[in-house]
Structure formats: C-alpha cells, structure tokens
Amino acid sequence: MRISINVTKRKIAFITMAILISIFFIVPAADGAVPGSDQDPLVTLSFVDKKIEQIKYYIDSITQGLSNEIFNYSNTLEKYEEQLKQKDEEIQDLKQKVENALTFKVVQLNKGQVLLAGEGAEIIIRSGKTTAVYGTNGGLSDITSAKDLKAGEAIANNHMLISSRNDGRGVKAESEVFLIIKGSFTIK
C-alpha cells in the first residue's frame, strides 16, 4: 500500500516561513537577554562604584561587629583569668594550711614565752622545762599519761599533748625549750 503525500507549494512556503521565524526570534531568546534590555541592562561606572561601596560598607560593618565581640570575649577572658589566679592563690593558701596541720614543725621558745595551741594541735616537748597554760574551758590533754594538765603543772618531756579547743591553752617556757607541734599555734 502506497501512501501519497500531497504537498502543495503553499504548505511548503508556510513550513519554511515558520522555520525562518523560529530561527530569528526563538534562537536568540535562548541565548539570553539582549544587551541593554531589562533582563541585561547596561550600567555606568558610577553605578558599579556605588555597589562596590555598599559591599565594602556591609563587610566593614560585619568586621566591626566581630571586632566588638572579640573585644568583649577578651574582657571576659581577662576576668576569668583573674578569678582563676585568685582561686589558685586560695588553693595554695589552703594547701599550706593543710600541710601545716599534717606535719610537725620544730619550734624554739625562750624563757617566759608562751605557745598557745589551736584546736586539735598536737605538741611534744623535746627539751627544756615547761608548764601548762590553762584555757577558758580547760587545759591540755597529756595523752601519754592519760590525764588533763592543770594550770602551772610541769609538763614531762616526750609526752604527747593535745589541745581540744582554741581557747588560750598551751605551754609556757620556764627555760629555753625545743618542741614539735602539728597544727595551728601562736607565740606570745
């Protein structure tokens, strides 16, 4: 079976015209906007300079904001460093107090000097003559002899003495005295 296509000159002219129109109008539109049109306007140098200045201002404002934040963080960091330094000093002070409370210190008393022991202080007279000093609420405990010392009572050397309170109890040197003490004390 044979199909015949009946094509007239008019139809050929119409198809050719349609192809030419599409080449001249549709193909350039596919390339993009025509220079100078609303889609692709021509610009002046002053317009470009103005846009560059706007971008610079925007970047400068962001940079300034970041600089302010960095400055604020720097100030906060300095405050924290100062607090850290202060806490470190407090820790060192407490460390020294703990060390003093846990270790015996050698103390020399001259005749007539009085050592007042703090609460929980431990004393051992190593040499010399001493007498007990009575506090507001009692005297020292002689742990070695298992007794409480009275005011003015002679203290035997090498006996462990404990002060249960910080109320003025301690030892008085009747001669040059060497003793060891663990805990807080004051010498008068």
N, C-alpha and C. Protein backbone atom coordinates (compact mmCIF):
# COMPACT_ATOMS: atom_id res chain seq x y z
N MET A 1 0.84 -1.16 0.00
CA MET A 1 0.00 0.00 0.00
C MET A 1 0.90 1.24 0.00
N ARG A 2 0.55 2.08 -0.79
CA ARG A 2 1.35 3.25 -1.01
C ARG A 2 0.62 4.47 -0.48
N ILE A 3 1.42 5.22 0.31
CA ILE A 3 0.82 6.43 0.88
C ILE A 3 1.36 7.60 0.08
N SER A 4 0.46 8.37 -0.38
CA SER A 4 0.93 9.50 -1.14
C SER A 4 0.74 10.75 -0.32
N ILE A 5 1.74 11.53 -0.37
CA ILE A 5 1.69 12.77 0.38
C ILE A 5 1.46 13.86 -0.64
N ASN A 6 0.43 14.54 -0.42
CA ASN A 6 0.04 15.59 -1.33
C ASN A 6 0.50 16.90 -0.71
N VAL A 7 1.59 17.39 -1.19
CA VAL A 7 2.16 18.60 -0.64
C VAL A 7 2.03 19.68 -1.69
N THR A 8 1.53 20.81 -1.24
CA THR A 8 1.34 21.91 -2.16
C THR A 8 2.41 22.94 -1.91
N LYS A 9 2.56 23.84 -2.83
CA LYS A 9 3.56 24.89 -2.70
C LYS A 9 3.24 25.79 -1.53
N ARG A 10 1.97 25.94 -1.30
CA ARG A 10 1.56 26.79 -0.20
C ARG A 10 1.99 26.20 1.13
N LYS A 11 1.85 24.92 1.30
CA LYS A 11 2.24 24.27 2.55
C LYS A 11 3.74 24.35 2.75
N ILE A 12 4.49 24.16 1.68
CA ILE A 12 5.94 24.22 1.78
C ILE A 12 6.36 25.64 2.15
N ALA A 13 5.76 26.64 1.59
CA ALA A 13 6.09 28.02 1.90
C ALA A 13 5.76 28.34 3.36
N PHE A 14 4.64 27.82 3.86
CA PHE A 14 4.25 28.06 5.25
C PHE A 14 5.24 27.41 6.23
N ILE A 15 5.64 26.20 5.97
CA ILE A 15 6.59 25.50 6.84
C ILE A 15 7.94 26.19 6.80
N THR A 16 8.37 26.62 5.64
CA THR A 16 9.66 27.31 5.52
C THR A 16 9.62 28.62 6.30
N MET A 17 8.54 29.34 6.20
CA MET A 17 8.39 30.60 6.91
C MET A 17 8.42 30.39 8.42
N ALA A 18 7.77 29.36 8.88
CA ALA A 18 7.74 29.05 10.32
C ALA A 18 9.15 28.74 10.83
N ILE A 19 9.90 28.02 10.04
CA ILE A 19 11.28 27.68 10.44
C ILE A 19 12.14 28.93 10.49
N LEU A 20 12.02 29.79 9.50
CA LEU A 20 12.81 31.03 9.49
C LEU A 20 12.46 31.95 10.66
N ILE A 21 11.20 32.06 10.96
CA ILE A 21 10.78 32.90 12.10
C ILE A 21 11.36 32.34 13.39
N SER A 22 11.29 31.04 13.55
CA SER A 22 11.82 30.45 14.77
C SER A 22 13.32 30.64 14.88
N ILE A 23 14.03 30.63 13.78
CA ILE A 23 15.48 30.83 13.80
C ILE A 23 15.80 32.26 14.24
N PHE A 24 15.06 33.24 13.75
CA PHE A 24 15.37 34.64 14.05
C PHE A 24 14.86 35.11 15.42
N PHE A 25 13.81 34.52 15.94
CA PHE A 25 13.23 35.01 17.19
C PHE A 25 13.44 34.07 18.39
N ILE A 26 13.32 32.83 18.18
CA ILE A 26 13.40 31.88 19.29
C ILE A 26 14.85 31.58 19.66
N VAL A 27 15.72 31.37 18.72
CA VAL A 27 17.11 31.03 19.00
C VAL A 27 17.83 32.16 19.74
N PRO A 28 17.70 33.44 19.37
CA PRO A 28 18.35 34.49 20.16
C PRO A 28 17.80 34.57 21.59
N ALA A 29 16.53 34.29 21.77
CA ALA A 29 15.95 34.32 23.12
C ALA A 29 16.54 33.21 23.98
N ALA A 30 16.92 32.12 23.37
CA ALA A 30 17.52 31.02 24.11
C ALA A 30 18.93 31.38 24.56
N ASP A 31 19.61 32.25 23.83
CA ASP A 31 20.95 32.68 24.20
C ASP A 31 20.95 33.51 25.47
N GLY A 32 19.95 34.19 25.78
CA GLY A 32 19.88 35.07 26.93
C GLY A 32 19.28 36.38 26.53
N ALA A 33 19.36 37.32 27.45
CA ALA A 33 18.76 38.62 27.22
C ALA A 33 19.61 39.42 26.25
N VAL A 34 18.95 40.30 25.61
CA VAL A 34 19.61 41.20 24.67
C VAL A 34 20.30 42.29 25.48
N PRO A 35 21.57 42.57 25.21
CA PRO A 35 22.26 43.61 25.97
C PRO A 35 21.53 44.94 25.90
N GLY A 36 21.37 45.59 27.05
CA GLY A 36 20.67 46.86 27.13
C GLY A 36 19.20 46.71 27.43
N SER A 37 18.68 45.48 27.44
CA SER A 37 17.26 45.28 27.76
C SER A 37 17.08 45.22 29.28
N ASP A 38 15.84 45.05 29.73
CA ASP A 38 15.56 44.96 31.17
C ASP A 38 16.23 43.74 31.80
N GLN A 39 16.37 42.67 31.00
CA GLN A 39 17.00 41.47 31.53
C GLN A 39 18.52 41.61 31.61
N ASP A 40 19.13 42.42 30.80
CA ASP A 40 20.58 42.62 30.80
C ASP A 40 20.88 44.10 30.56
N PRO A 41 20.70 44.93 31.61
CA PRO A 41 20.86 46.37 31.39
C PRO A 41 22.33 46.76 31.27
N LEU A 42 22.56 47.83 30.56
CA LEU A 42 23.89 48.44 30.52
C LEU A 42 24.04 49.30 31.77
N VAL A 43 25.22 49.28 32.42
CA VAL A 43 25.41 50.05 33.65
C VAL A 43 26.55 51.02 33.47
N THR A 44 26.52 52.06 34.32
CA THR A 44 27.58 53.06 34.28
C THR A 44 28.62 52.75 35.35
N LEU A 45 29.78 53.36 35.23
CA LEU A 45 30.85 53.17 36.19
C LEU A 45 30.43 53.66 37.58
N SER A 46 29.67 54.76 37.63
CA SER A 46 29.23 55.28 38.93
C SER A 46 28.30 54.28 39.62
N PHE A 47 27.48 53.58 38.85
CA PHE A 47 26.59 52.57 39.43
C PHE A 47 27.42 51.42 40.02
N VAL A 48 28.43 50.96 39.30
CA VAL A 48 29.30 49.88 39.78
C VAL A 48 30.05 50.34 41.03
N ASP A 49 30.59 51.59 41.01
CA ASP A 49 31.31 52.12 42.18
C ASP A 49 30.40 52.19 43.39
N LYS A 50 29.15 52.60 43.19
CA LYS A 50 28.18 52.69 44.28
C LYS A 50 27.93 51.30 44.88
N LYS A 51 27.77 50.29 44.03
CA LYS A 51 27.54 48.92 44.52
C LYS A 51 28.77 48.40 45.26
N ILE A 52 29.96 48.72 44.78
CA ILE A 52 31.20 48.31 45.46
C ILE A 52 31.27 48.95 46.84
N GLU A 53 30.92 50.25 46.94
CA GLU A 53 30.92 50.94 48.23
C GLU A 53 29.92 50.30 49.20
N GLN A 54 28.75 49.91 48.67
CA GLN A 54 27.76 49.25 49.52
C GLN A 54 28.29 47.92 50.04
N ILE A 55 28.94 47.18 49.20
CA ILE A 55 29.52 45.89 49.63
C ILE A 55 30.62 46.12 50.66
N LYS A 56 31.48 47.14 50.43
CA LYS A 56 32.54 47.46 51.40
C LYS A 56 31.93 47.84 52.75
N TYR A 57 30.89 48.66 52.74
CA TYR A 57 30.23 49.07 53.98
C TYR A 57 29.67 47.85 54.71
N TYR A 58 29.05 46.96 53.96
CA TYR A 58 28.49 45.74 54.55
C TYR A 58 29.60 44.89 55.19
N ILE A 59 30.70 44.70 54.48
CA ILE A 59 31.82 43.91 55.00
C ILE A 59 32.43 44.60 56.23
N ASP A 60 32.59 45.94 56.16
CA ASP A 60 33.15 46.69 57.30
C ASP A 60 32.25 46.59 58.53
N SER A 61 30.93 46.66 58.33
CA SER A 61 30.02 46.56 59.48
C SER A 61 30.09 45.18 60.12
N ILE A 62 30.19 44.14 59.30
CA ILE A 62 30.33 42.78 59.85
C ILE A 62 31.66 42.66 60.59
N THR A 63 32.73 43.19 60.00
CA THR A 63 34.05 43.14 60.62
C THR A 63 34.05 43.89 61.95
N GLN A 64 33.42 45.06 61.99
CA GLN A 64 33.35 45.84 63.22
C GLN A 64 32.57 45.09 64.29
N GLY A 65 31.47 44.45 63.90
CA GLY A 65 30.69 43.67 64.85
C GLY A 65 31.50 42.52 65.42
N LEU A 66 32.25 41.85 64.55
CA LEU A 66 33.10 40.76 65.02
C LEU A 66 34.22 41.28 65.92
N SER A 67 34.77 42.45 65.59
CA SER A 67 35.81 43.05 66.44
C SER A 67 35.26 43.36 67.83
N ASN A 68 34.04 43.89 67.88
CA ASN A 68 33.41 44.17 69.17
C ASN A 68 33.21 42.90 69.98
N GLU A 69 32.76 41.84 69.31
CA GLU A 69 32.57 40.56 70.01
C GLU A 69 33.89 40.02 70.53
N ILE A 70 34.94 40.10 69.72
CA ILE A 70 36.26 39.64 70.15
C ILE A 70 36.72 40.45 71.35
N PHE A 71 36.51 41.77 71.33
CA PHE A 71 36.89 42.62 72.45
C PHE A 71 36.14 42.22 73.71
N ASN A 72 34.82 41.97 73.58
CA ASN A 72 34.03 41.54 74.73
C ASN A 72 34.51 40.21 75.27
N TYR A 73 34.80 39.27 74.37
CA TYR A 73 35.31 37.98 74.81
C TYR A 73 36.67 38.12 75.47
N SER A 74 37.48 39.04 74.97
CA SER A 74 38.80 39.28 75.56
C SER A 74 38.65 39.80 76.99
N ASN A 75 37.72 40.75 77.19
CA ASN A 75 37.49 41.27 78.54
C ASN A 75 36.98 40.18 79.46
N THR A 76 36.08 39.35 78.97
CA THR A 76 35.55 38.26 79.78
C THR A 76 36.66 37.27 80.11
N LEU A 77 37.52 37.00 79.15
CA LEU A 77 38.63 36.08 79.38
C LEU A 77 39.57 36.64 80.44
N GLU A 78 39.84 37.94 80.41
CA GLU A 78 40.71 38.56 81.42
C GLU A 78 40.10 38.44 82.81
N LYS A 79 38.77 38.62 82.91
CA LYS A 79 38.09 38.47 84.20
C LYS A 79 38.22 37.04 84.70
N TYR A 80 38.02 36.08 83.80
CA TYR A 80 38.14 34.67 84.20
C TYR A 80 39.57 34.33 84.60
N GLU A 81 40.54 34.89 83.90
CA GLU A 81 41.94 34.65 84.25
C GLU A 81 42.24 35.21 85.64
N GLU A 82 41.71 36.39 85.95
CA GLU A 82 41.91 36.98 87.28
C GLU A 82 41.25 36.12 88.35
N GLN A 83 40.03 35.66 88.09
CA GLN A 83 39.35 34.78 89.05
C GLN A 83 40.13 33.48 89.23
N LEU A 84 40.66 32.95 88.14
CA LEU A 84 41.44 31.72 88.21
C LEU A 84 42.70 31.93 89.03
N LYS A 85 43.35 33.07 88.84
CA LYS A 85 44.56 33.39 89.61
C LYS A 85 44.22 33.51 91.10
N GLN A 86 43.10 34.17 91.41
CA GLN A 86 42.68 34.32 92.80
C GLN A 86 42.37 32.96 93.43
N LYS A 87 41.68 32.10 92.68
CA LYS A 87 41.36 30.76 93.19
C LYS A 87 42.62 29.94 93.38
N ASP A 88 43.59 30.11 92.48
CA ASP A 88 44.86 29.39 92.62
C ASP A 88 45.58 29.83 93.89
N GLU A 89 45.56 31.13 94.19
CA GLU A 89 46.17 31.62 95.42
C GLU A 89 45.45 31.05 96.65
N GLU A 90 44.12 30.99 96.59
CA GLU A 90 43.36 30.41 97.69
C GLU A 90 43.71 28.93 97.88
N ILE A 91 43.86 28.22 96.77
CA ILE A 91 44.22 26.80 96.85
C ILE A 91 45.61 26.64 97.48
N GLN A 92 46.55 27.50 97.06
CA GLN A 92 47.90 27.42 97.63
C GLN A 92 47.87 27.72 99.13
N ASP A 93 47.05 28.69 99.54
CA ASP A 93 46.93 29.02 100.96
C ASP A 93 46.34 27.84 101.74
N LEU A 94 45.29 27.24 101.19
CA LEU A 94 44.68 26.07 101.85
C LEU A 94 45.64 24.89 101.88
N LYS A 95 46.40 24.74 100.81
CA LYS A 95 47.39 23.66 100.75
C LYS A 95 48.43 23.84 101.86
N GLN A 96 48.86 25.09 102.06
CA GLN A 96 49.84 25.38 103.12
C GLN A 96 49.24 25.10 104.49
N LYS A 97 47.97 25.47 104.68
CA LYS A 97 47.31 25.21 105.97
C LYS A 97 47.19 23.72 106.22
N VAL A 98 46.85 22.96 105.20
CA VAL A 98 46.74 21.50 105.35
C VAL A 98 48.10 20.91 105.66
N GLU A 99 49.12 21.39 104.95
CA GLU A 99 50.48 20.90 105.21
C GLU A 99 50.89 21.20 106.65
N ASN A 100 50.58 22.41 107.11
CA ASN A 100 50.91 22.77 108.50
C ASN A 100 50.15 21.90 109.49
N ALA A 101 48.93 21.55 109.15
CA ALA A 101 48.12 20.75 110.05
C ALA A 101 48.57 19.29 110.08
N LEU A 102 49.23 18.84 109.04
CA LEU A 102 49.58 17.42 108.95
C LEU A 102 51.04 17.11 109.26
N THR A 103 51.86 18.12 109.42
CA THR A 103 53.28 17.86 109.68
C THR A 103 53.72 18.57 110.96
N PHE A 104 54.66 17.95 111.65
CA PHE A 104 55.22 18.55 112.85
C PHE A 104 56.23 19.62 112.45
N LYS A 105 56.20 20.73 113.17
CA LYS A 105 57.15 21.82 112.98
C LYS A 105 57.98 21.95 114.26
N VAL A 106 59.27 22.20 114.11
CA VAL A 106 60.14 22.41 115.26
C VAL A 106 60.02 23.88 115.66
N VAL A 107 59.78 24.11 116.97
CA VAL A 107 59.62 25.46 117.49
C VAL A 107 60.56 25.63 118.67
N GLN A 108 61.23 26.78 118.73
CA GLN A 108 62.09 27.11 119.87
C GLN A 108 61.43 28.23 120.65
N LEU A 109 61.31 28.04 121.99
CA LEU A 109 60.76 29.07 122.87
C LEU A 109 61.86 29.52 123.83
N ASN A 110 61.92 30.82 124.07
CA ASN A 110 62.84 31.34 125.08
C ASN A 110 62.10 31.40 126.41
N LYS A 111 62.86 31.48 127.49
CA LYS A 111 62.27 31.52 128.83
C LYS A 111 61.23 32.64 128.91
N GLY A 112 60.03 32.31 129.40
CA GLY A 112 58.96 33.27 129.57
C GLY A 112 57.99 33.34 128.40
N GLN A 113 58.34 32.79 127.25
CA GLN A 113 57.43 32.81 126.10
C GLN A 113 56.33 31.77 126.31
N VAL A 114 55.15 32.08 125.74
CA VAL A 114 54.00 31.18 125.85
C VAL A 114 53.57 30.79 124.44
N LEU A 115 53.36 29.49 124.24
CA LEU A 115 52.82 28.98 122.98
C LEU A 115 51.37 28.62 123.23
N LEU A 116 50.45 29.29 122.50
CA LEU A 116 49.03 28.99 122.61
C LEU A 116 48.65 28.10 121.42
N ALA A 117 48.13 26.93 121.73
CA ALA A 117 47.83 25.93 120.71
C ALA A 117 46.43 26.14 120.16
N GLY A 118 46.28 25.89 118.86
CA GLY A 118 44.97 25.95 118.22
C GLY A 118 44.22 24.64 118.44
N GLU A 119 42.97 24.64 118.04
CA GLU A 119 42.13 23.46 118.20
C GLU A 119 42.71 22.27 117.44
N GLY A 120 42.88 21.14 118.12
CA GLY A 120 43.39 19.92 117.51
C GLY A 120 44.90 19.86 117.39
N ALA A 121 45.61 20.85 117.91
CA ALA A 121 47.07 20.86 117.81
C ALA A 121 47.68 19.76 118.68
N GLU A 122 48.76 19.18 118.18
CA GLU A 122 49.50 18.14 118.92
C GLU A 122 50.88 18.69 119.24
N ILE A 123 51.30 18.55 120.50
CA ILE A 123 52.57 19.12 120.96
C ILE A 123 53.38 18.03 121.64
N ILE A 124 54.69 18.01 121.37
CA ILE A 124 55.61 17.14 122.10
C ILE A 124 56.79 18.02 122.52
N ILE A 125 57.01 18.12 123.84
CA ILE A 125 58.14 18.88 124.36
C ILE A 125 59.38 18.00 124.21
N ARG A 126 60.40 18.50 123.49
CA ARG A 126 61.60 17.69 123.25
C ARG A 126 62.70 17.99 124.26
N SER A 127 62.85 19.26 124.66
CA SER A 127 63.87 19.58 125.67
C SER A 127 63.48 20.86 126.38
N GLY A 128 63.96 21.02 127.61
CA GLY A 128 63.68 22.20 128.40
C GLY A 128 62.56 21.95 129.38
N LYS A 129 62.28 22.99 130.20
CA LYS A 129 61.24 22.88 131.22
C LYS A 129 60.05 23.74 130.81
N THR A 130 58.84 23.17 130.90
CA THR A 130 57.61 23.89 130.54
C THR A 130 56.54 23.62 131.57
N THR A 131 55.58 24.55 131.63
CA THR A 131 54.40 24.36 132.47
C THR A 131 53.16 24.56 131.61
N ALA A 132 52.06 24.00 132.06
CA ALA A 132 50.81 24.07 131.31
C ALA A 132 50.15 25.43 131.52
N VAL A 133 49.55 25.93 130.45
CA VAL A 133 48.74 27.15 130.48
C VAL A 133 47.30 26.71 130.32
N TYR A 134 46.47 27.13 131.28
CA TYR A 134 45.07 26.72 131.30
C TYR A 134 44.25 27.68 130.44
N GLY A 135 43.34 27.13 129.63
CA GLY A 135 42.49 27.94 128.77
C GLY A 135 41.16 28.25 129.43
N THR A 136 40.28 28.91 128.72
CA THR A 136 38.96 29.28 129.22
C THR A 136 38.15 28.06 129.63
N ASN A 137 38.25 27.00 128.85
CA ASN A 137 37.44 25.80 129.09
C ASN A 137 38.25 24.60 129.55
N GLY A 138 39.49 24.76 129.98
CA GLY A 138 40.29 23.63 130.46
C GLY A 138 41.71 23.71 129.97
N GLY A 139 42.43 22.61 130.21
CA GLY A 139 43.85 22.59 129.85
C GLY A 139 44.15 21.58 128.77
N LEU A 140 45.45 21.38 128.55
CA LEU A 140 45.91 20.41 127.56
C LEU A 140 45.68 18.99 128.07
N SER A 141 45.50 18.06 127.14
CA SER A 141 45.39 16.64 127.49
C SER A 141 46.75 16.00 127.27
N ASP A 142 47.30 15.38 128.33
CA ASP A 142 48.55 14.62 128.21
C ASP A 142 48.15 13.20 127.86
N ILE A 143 48.24 12.87 126.59
CA ILE A 143 47.78 11.57 126.10
C ILE A 143 48.68 10.45 126.61
N THR A 144 49.97 10.73 126.73
CA THR A 144 50.91 9.71 127.21
C THR A 144 50.59 9.30 128.64
N SER A 145 50.25 10.27 129.51
CA SER A 145 49.92 9.98 130.92
C SER A 145 48.44 9.76 131.13
N ALA A 146 47.66 9.99 130.13
CA ALA A 146 46.20 9.84 130.22
C ALA A 146 45.60 10.73 131.29
N LYS A 147 45.95 12.04 131.24
CA LYS A 147 45.38 12.98 132.20
C LYS A 147 45.31 14.37 131.60
N ASP A 148 44.48 15.23 132.22
CA ASP A 148 44.40 16.64 131.84
C ASP A 148 45.36 17.41 132.71
N LEU A 149 46.09 18.34 132.11
CA LEU A 149 47.07 19.14 132.85
C LEU A 149 46.38 20.35 133.48
N LYS A 150 46.76 20.63 134.71
CA LYS A 150 46.25 21.79 135.44
C LYS A 150 47.11 23.01 135.13
N ALA A 151 46.61 24.19 135.45
CA ALA A 151 47.35 25.43 135.24
C ALA A 151 48.63 25.42 136.06
N GLY A 152 49.77 25.69 135.39
CA GLY A 152 51.06 25.75 136.05
C GLY A 152 51.71 24.40 136.30
N GLU A 153 51.05 23.31 135.96
CA GLU A 153 51.61 21.97 136.19
C GLU A 153 52.80 21.75 135.24
N ALA A 154 53.87 21.14 135.75
CA ALA A 154 55.05 20.84 134.94
C ALA A 154 54.69 19.78 133.90
N ILE A 155 55.24 19.96 132.71
CA ILE A 155 54.98 19.02 131.62
C ILE A 155 56.22 18.17 131.40
N ALA A 156 56.03 16.85 131.37
CA ALA A 156 57.13 15.92 131.14
C ALA A 156 57.53 15.96 129.66
N ASN A 157 58.84 15.86 129.41
CA ASN A 157 59.34 15.84 128.02
C ASN A 157 58.92 14.54 127.34
N ASN A 158 58.80 14.61 126.04
CA ASN A 158 58.46 13.49 125.16
C ASN A 158 57.07 12.92 125.42
N HIS A 159 56.18 13.71 126.00
CA HIS A 159 54.78 13.30 126.16
C HIS A 159 53.95 13.98 125.07
N MET A 160 52.99 13.24 124.55
CA MET A 160 52.09 13.78 123.52
C MET A 160 51.01 14.58 124.21
N LEU A 161 50.89 15.87 123.82
CA LEU A 161 49.86 16.76 124.36
C LEU A 161 48.91 17.15 123.22
N ILE A 162 47.62 17.22 123.55
CA ILE A 162 46.62 17.62 122.55
C ILE A 162 45.79 18.77 123.12
N SER A 163 45.56 19.77 122.25
CA SER A 163 44.69 20.89 122.60
C SER A 163 43.33 20.64 121.95
N SER A 164 42.31 20.47 122.77
CA SER A 164 40.99 20.15 122.21
C SER A 164 40.24 21.39 121.72
N ARG A 165 40.65 22.58 122.19
CA ARG A 165 39.98 23.82 121.78
C ARG A 165 40.99 24.93 121.58
N ASN A 166 40.53 25.94 120.87
CA ASN A 166 41.34 27.13 120.65
C ASN A 166 40.86 28.20 121.63
N ASP A 167 41.17 28.00 122.93
CA ASP A 167 40.65 28.90 123.96
C ASP A 167 41.73 29.45 124.88
N GLY A 168 42.97 29.45 124.40
CA GLY A 168 44.04 30.04 125.20
C GLY A 168 44.89 29.02 125.95
N ARG A 169 44.67 27.74 125.78
CA ARG A 169 45.50 26.73 126.44
C ARG A 169 46.80 26.54 125.66
N GLY A 170 47.85 26.15 126.38
CA GLY A 170 49.14 25.97 125.73
C GLY A 170 50.23 25.65 126.73
N VAL A 171 51.46 26.04 126.40
CA VAL A 171 52.62 25.77 127.26
C VAL A 171 53.42 27.05 127.46
N LYS A 172 54.03 27.16 128.67
CA LYS A 172 54.89 28.31 128.99
C LYS A 172 56.30 27.78 129.19
N ALA A 173 57.28 28.45 128.55
CA ALA A 173 58.67 28.04 128.66
C ALA A 173 59.25 28.56 129.97
N GLU A 174 59.78 27.64 130.80
CA GLU A 174 60.45 28.02 132.05
C GLU A 174 61.95 28.08 131.85
N SER A 175 62.41 27.63 130.70
CA SER A 175 63.80 27.71 130.26
C SER A 175 63.78 27.71 128.74
N GLU A 176 64.94 27.65 128.11
CA GLU A 176 64.94 27.52 126.67
C GLU A 176 64.34 26.15 126.32
N VAL A 177 63.36 26.16 125.40
CA VAL A 177 62.60 24.94 125.10
C VAL A 177 62.59 24.69 123.60
N PHE A 178 62.73 23.41 123.24
CA PHE A 178 62.51 22.96 121.87
C PHE A 178 61.33 22.00 121.92
N LEU A 179 60.38 22.22 121.03
CA LEU A 179 59.22 21.35 120.97
C LEU A 179 58.85 21.14 119.50
N ILE A 180 58.03 20.13 119.26
CA ILE A 180 57.47 19.96 117.93
C ILE A 180 55.97 20.07 118.05
N ILE A 181 55.35 20.67 117.04
CA ILE A 181 53.92 20.89 117.08
C ILE A 181 53.32 20.64 115.70
N LYS A 182 52.16 20.04 115.70
CA LYS A 182 51.38 19.82 114.47
C LYS A 182 50.07 20.56 114.67
N GLY A 183 49.74 21.47 113.75
CA GLY A 183 48.52 22.25 113.86
C GLY A 183 48.84 23.73 114.04
N SER A 184 47.79 24.50 114.28
CA SER A 184 47.97 25.96 114.39
C SER A 184 48.39 26.35 115.80
N PHE A 185 49.12 27.46 115.88
CA PHE A 185 49.58 27.97 117.18
C PHE A 185 49.99 29.42 117.04
N THR A 186 50.08 30.11 118.20
CA THR A 186 50.64 31.46 118.25
C THR A 186 51.60 31.52 119.41
N ILE A 187 52.62 32.35 119.28
CA ILE A 187 53.61 32.51 120.34
C ILE A 187 53.50 33.92 120.87
N LYS A 188 53.45 34.01 122.21
CA LYS A 188 53.38 35.34 122.87
C LYS A 188 54.59 35.51 123.76
